Protein backbone atom coordinates (compact mmCIF):
# COMPACT_ATOMS: atom_id res chain seq x y z
CA MET A 1 0.00 0.00 0.00
CA THR A 2 1.39 3.36 -0.95
CA THR A 3 1.16 6.34 1.36
CA ASN A 4 -0.32 8.39 -1.52
CA ARG A 5 -3.35 6.16 -2.02
CA PHE A 6 -5.70 8.84 -0.69
CA THR A 7 -5.58 12.46 -1.70
CA SER A 8 -8.14 13.76 0.79
CA PHE A 9 -9.38 13.03 4.26
CA ASP A 10 -12.88 12.41 2.85
CA GLN A 11 -11.55 9.54 0.72
CA PHE A 12 -9.59 8.17 3.65
CA TRP A 13 -12.62 8.43 5.95
CA LEU A 14 -14.63 5.92 3.92
CA TYR A 15 -11.66 3.53 3.89
CA TYR A 16 -11.22 4.02 7.64
CA LEU A 17 -14.83 3.06 8.30
CA GLN A 18 -14.49 -0.03 6.11
CA GLU A 19 -11.44 -1.05 8.14
CA HIS A 20 -13.64 -0.75 11.26
CA ALA A 21 -16.58 -2.71 9.90
CA LYS A 22 -17.16 -4.95 12.91
CA PRO A 23 -19.02 -3.41 15.86
CA HIS A 24 -16.64 -4.97 18.39
CA THR A 25 -13.69 -3.33 16.67
CA ARG A 26 -15.35 0.06 16.96
CA ALA A 27 -16.31 -0.69 20.58
CA LEU A 28 -12.69 -1.33 21.54
CA HIS A 29 -11.72 1.91 19.80
CA TYR A 30 -14.30 3.74 21.89
CA VAL A 31 -12.84 2.23 25.06
CA GLY A 32 -9.36 3.36 24.09
CA THR A 33 -10.43 6.85 23.07
CA THR A 34 -12.44 7.27 26.27
CA LEU A 35 -9.35 6.26 28.24
CA VAL A 36 -7.31 8.84 26.34
CA PHE A 37 -9.66 11.57 27.58
CA ALA A 38 -9.72 10.09 31.09
CA VAL A 39 -5.92 9.95 31.28
CA ALA A 40 -5.68 13.55 30.04
CA ALA A 41 -8.18 14.72 32.66
CA PHE A 42 -6.40 12.74 35.39
CA ALA A 43 -3.06 14.28 34.41
CA VAL A 44 -4.37 17.83 34.38
CA VAL A 45 -6.51 17.57 37.52
CA GLY A 46 -3.84 15.66 39.40
CA GLY A 47 -1.15 18.06 38.29
CA ASN A 48 1.14 15.30 37.07
CA LEU A 49 1.58 15.87 33.35
CA TRP A 50 3.81 12.80 33.06
CA TRP A 51 0.54 10.85 32.81
CA LEU A 52 0.03 12.40 29.38
CA LEU A 53 2.65 9.94 28.13
CA ALA A 54 0.13 7.17 28.83
CA MET A 55 -2.40 8.60 26.39
CA PRO A 56 -1.08 6.85 23.26
CA VAL A 57 -0.73 3.57 25.14
CA ALA A 58 -4.32 3.78 26.38
CA GLY A 59 -5.68 4.61 22.95
CA TYR A 60 -3.61 2.38 20.74
CA PHE A 61 -3.64 -0.71 22.94
CA PHE A 62 -7.36 -1.28 22.53
CA ALA A 63 -7.44 -0.18 18.90
CA TRP A 64 -4.62 -2.48 17.85
CA LEU A 65 -6.01 -5.32 19.92
CA ALA A 66 -9.24 -4.96 17.95
CA HIS A 67 -7.50 -4.93 14.59
CA PHE A 68 -5.31 -7.93 15.28
CA THR A 69 -7.92 -10.11 17.01
CA ILE A 70 -11.34 -9.05 15.72
CA GLU A 71 -11.01 -7.25 12.41
CA LYS A 72 -7.84 -9.19 11.44
CA ASN A 73 -6.42 -6.30 9.45
CA ARG A 74 -3.48 -3.95 9.68
CA PRO A 75 -4.22 -0.72 11.59
CA ALA A 76 -4.48 2.23 9.23
CA THR A 77 -2.40 4.26 11.66
CA PHE A 78 0.69 2.37 10.50
CA THR A 79 0.39 4.03 7.08
CA TYR A 80 -1.74 7.12 7.79
CA PRO A 81 -1.00 8.18 11.38
CA GLY A 82 -2.40 11.73 11.19
CA TRP A 83 -5.53 10.91 9.27
CA SER A 84 -6.13 7.83 11.41
CA LEU A 85 -6.02 9.87 14.60
CA ALA A 86 -8.40 12.44 13.15
CA ALA A 87 -10.71 9.68 11.88
CA ASP A 88 -10.70 7.96 15.26
CA PHE A 89 -11.87 11.13 16.98
CA LYS A 90 -14.43 11.77 14.24
CA MET A 91 -15.79 8.21 14.59
CA TYR A 92 -15.86 8.55 18.38
CA PHE A 93 -17.79 11.82 18.43
CA LEU A 94 -20.20 10.70 15.71
CA TRP A 95 -20.85 7.57 17.78
CA LEU A 96 -21.38 9.62 20.95
CA THR A 97 -23.89 11.86 19.19
CA GLY A 98 -25.69 8.97 17.48
CA LYS A 99 -24.69 10.17 14.00
CA LEU A 100 -22.30 7.39 12.96
CA GLY A 101 -24.90 5.15 11.27
CA PRO A 102 -25.32 7.20 8.07
CA GLU A 103 -21.54 7.48 7.71
CA LEU A 104 -21.17 3.70 7.99
CA GLU A 105 -23.87 3.28 5.35
CA LYS A 106 -22.06 5.70 3.01
CA ALA A 107 -18.93 3.58 3.42
CA GLY A 108 -20.87 0.39 2.68
CA VAL A 109 -20.56 -0.95 6.24
CA LYS A 110 -23.62 -2.84 7.42
């Protein structure tokens, strides 16, 4: 896979959703992303910013676990780290607001 496969985030977004087709994969991403926010809050409120170093571990552990065990594909973040991070947050907030369904349909995910 070439790093120039996608020329826009919109193109990548549809691919990203297809790579997260299984609900359990998305659920583990939501766990990881929620932990990212929890760790950030804990670090700021507790005044120990060293905890911020745990944010990528919290987020990626669950995401990669999902890809390797459930989805059985290679995480998109290995090739598209910036767009993958942005897409993860977009997926998370669309899920939280109940607006992810139409996006999954657009991407052909049932």
